[in-house]
Amino acid sequence: MSSTATDLSTLSPSDRKRSYGEFRNIVAQRGLYFSEGAEPTDRKRNTKWVATVTVSGVTYRSDAFTQGKMEALHLAAASALRHLGAP
């Protein structure tokens, strides 16, 4: 299984917000199986999150310094979208 991470500096704020919904739609349209997960990196404060989405055996990971669960999922999804060839 391979893995790739998203560089926060390459995503605009609008990319961060729309990526997760687009990712789910594209995966569904292509009939691909995916899994997702997110967890805090600092369990006492829940202030930093890391997320992964896996599509067809390839895992895409968000940066570990995101401020919330959904932002982490958006970033992981943005990385997956790039590799799936989505605009």
Protein backbone atom coordinates (compact mmCIF):
# COMPACT_ATOMS: atom_id res chain seq x y z
CA MET A 1 0.00 0.00 0.00
CA SER A 2 1.43 3.40 -0.90
CA SER A 3 0.84 6.74 0.78
CA THR A 4 1.01 10.40 -0.16
CA ALA A 5 0.59 13.58 1.89
CA THR A 6 -1.00 16.93 1.10
CA ASP A 7 1.11 20.07 1.36
CA LEU A 8 -1.08 22.74 2.96
CA SER A 9 0.66 25.54 1.08
CA THR A 10 -0.54 24.22 -2.29
CA LEU A 11 -4.26 24.44 -1.47
CA SER A 12 -6.39 27.56 -1.63
CA PRO A 13 -9.06 28.06 1.07
CA SER A 14 -11.77 27.24 -1.47
CA ASP A 15 -9.98 24.00 -2.41
CA ARG A 16 -9.87 23.03 1.24
CA LYS A 17 -13.61 23.49 1.65
CA ARG A 18 -14.88 21.79 -1.48
CA SER A 19 -12.46 18.89 -1.80
CA TYR A 20 -14.13 16.38 0.48
CA GLY A 21 -17.56 16.61 -1.17
CA GLU A 22 -16.04 16.43 -4.65
CA PHE A 23 -13.91 13.49 -3.63
CA ARG A 24 -16.92 11.51 -2.42
CA ASN A 25 -18.84 12.29 -5.63
CA ILE A 26 -15.98 11.34 -7.96
CA VAL A 27 -15.28 8.10 -6.10
CA ALA A 28 -18.98 7.19 -6.26
CA GLN A 29 -19.21 8.04 -9.98
CA ARG A 30 -16.22 5.82 -10.75
CA GLY A 31 -17.53 2.98 -8.59
CA LEU A 32 -14.41 2.92 -6.43
CA TYR A 33 -14.25 1.68 -2.85
CA PHE A 34 -12.79 4.06 -0.29
CA SER A 35 -12.29 4.31 3.44
CA GLU A 36 -11.56 7.30 5.62
CA GLY A 37 -10.44 8.10 9.11
CA ALA A 38 -9.40 11.06 11.25
CA GLU A 39 -7.93 11.32 14.70
CA PRO A 40 -6.43 14.01 16.93
CA THR A 41 -2.65 14.06 17.21
CA ASP A 42 -2.91 15.66 20.66
CA ARG A 43 -5.60 13.64 22.43
CA LYS A 44 -5.70 15.89 25.50
CA ARG A 45 -6.54 19.04 23.55
CA ASN A 46 -7.99 17.71 20.26
CA THR A 47 -6.41 20.69 18.52
CA LYS A 48 -4.39 19.02 15.77
CA TRP A 49 -5.81 16.39 13.45
CA VAL A 50 -4.55 13.99 10.82
CA ALA A 51 -6.82 12.21 8.35
CA THR A 52 -6.46 9.56 5.70
CA VAL A 53 -8.56 8.43 2.79
CA THR A 54 -7.74 5.20 0.97
CA VAL A 55 -8.82 4.54 -2.60
CA SER A 56 -7.97 1.32 -4.42
CA GLY A 57 -5.15 0.52 -1.99
CA VAL A 58 -3.51 3.96 -2.08
CA THR A 59 -3.66 6.02 1.12
CA TYR A 60 -3.73 9.82 0.99
CA ARG A 61 -2.86 11.62 4.22
CA SER A 62 -3.52 15.15 5.43
CA ASP A 63 -0.91 17.27 7.15
CA ALA A 64 -0.76 16.56 10.89
CA PHE A 65 -1.12 20.24 11.77
CA THR A 66 -4.72 20.87 10.72
CA GLN A 67 -6.99 22.57 13.20
CA GLY A 68 -10.06 20.37 12.86
CA LYS A 69 -11.34 16.97 11.78
CA MET A 70 -13.16 18.18 8.66
CA GLU A 71 -10.21 20.29 7.49
CA ALA A 72 -8.01 17.21 7.81
CA LEU A 73 -10.49 15.17 5.73
CA HIS A 74 -10.67 17.95 3.12
CA LEU A 75 -6.88 17.96 2.78
CA ALA A 76 -6.59 14.20 2.47
CA ALA A 77 -9.38 14.24 -0.13
CA ALA A 78 -7.65 17.04 -2.07
CA SER A 79 -4.55 14.90 -2.33
CA ALA A 80 -6.62 11.95 -3.56
CA LEU A 81 -8.40 14.14 -6.13
CA ARG A 82 -5.10 15.22 -7.64
CA HIS A 83 -4.00 11.63 -8.09
CA LEU A 84 -7.38 10.53 -9.43
CA GLY A 85 -7.05 13.12 -12.19
CA ALA A 86 -9.90 15.37 -11.02
CA PRO A 87 -9.71 19.03 -12.07
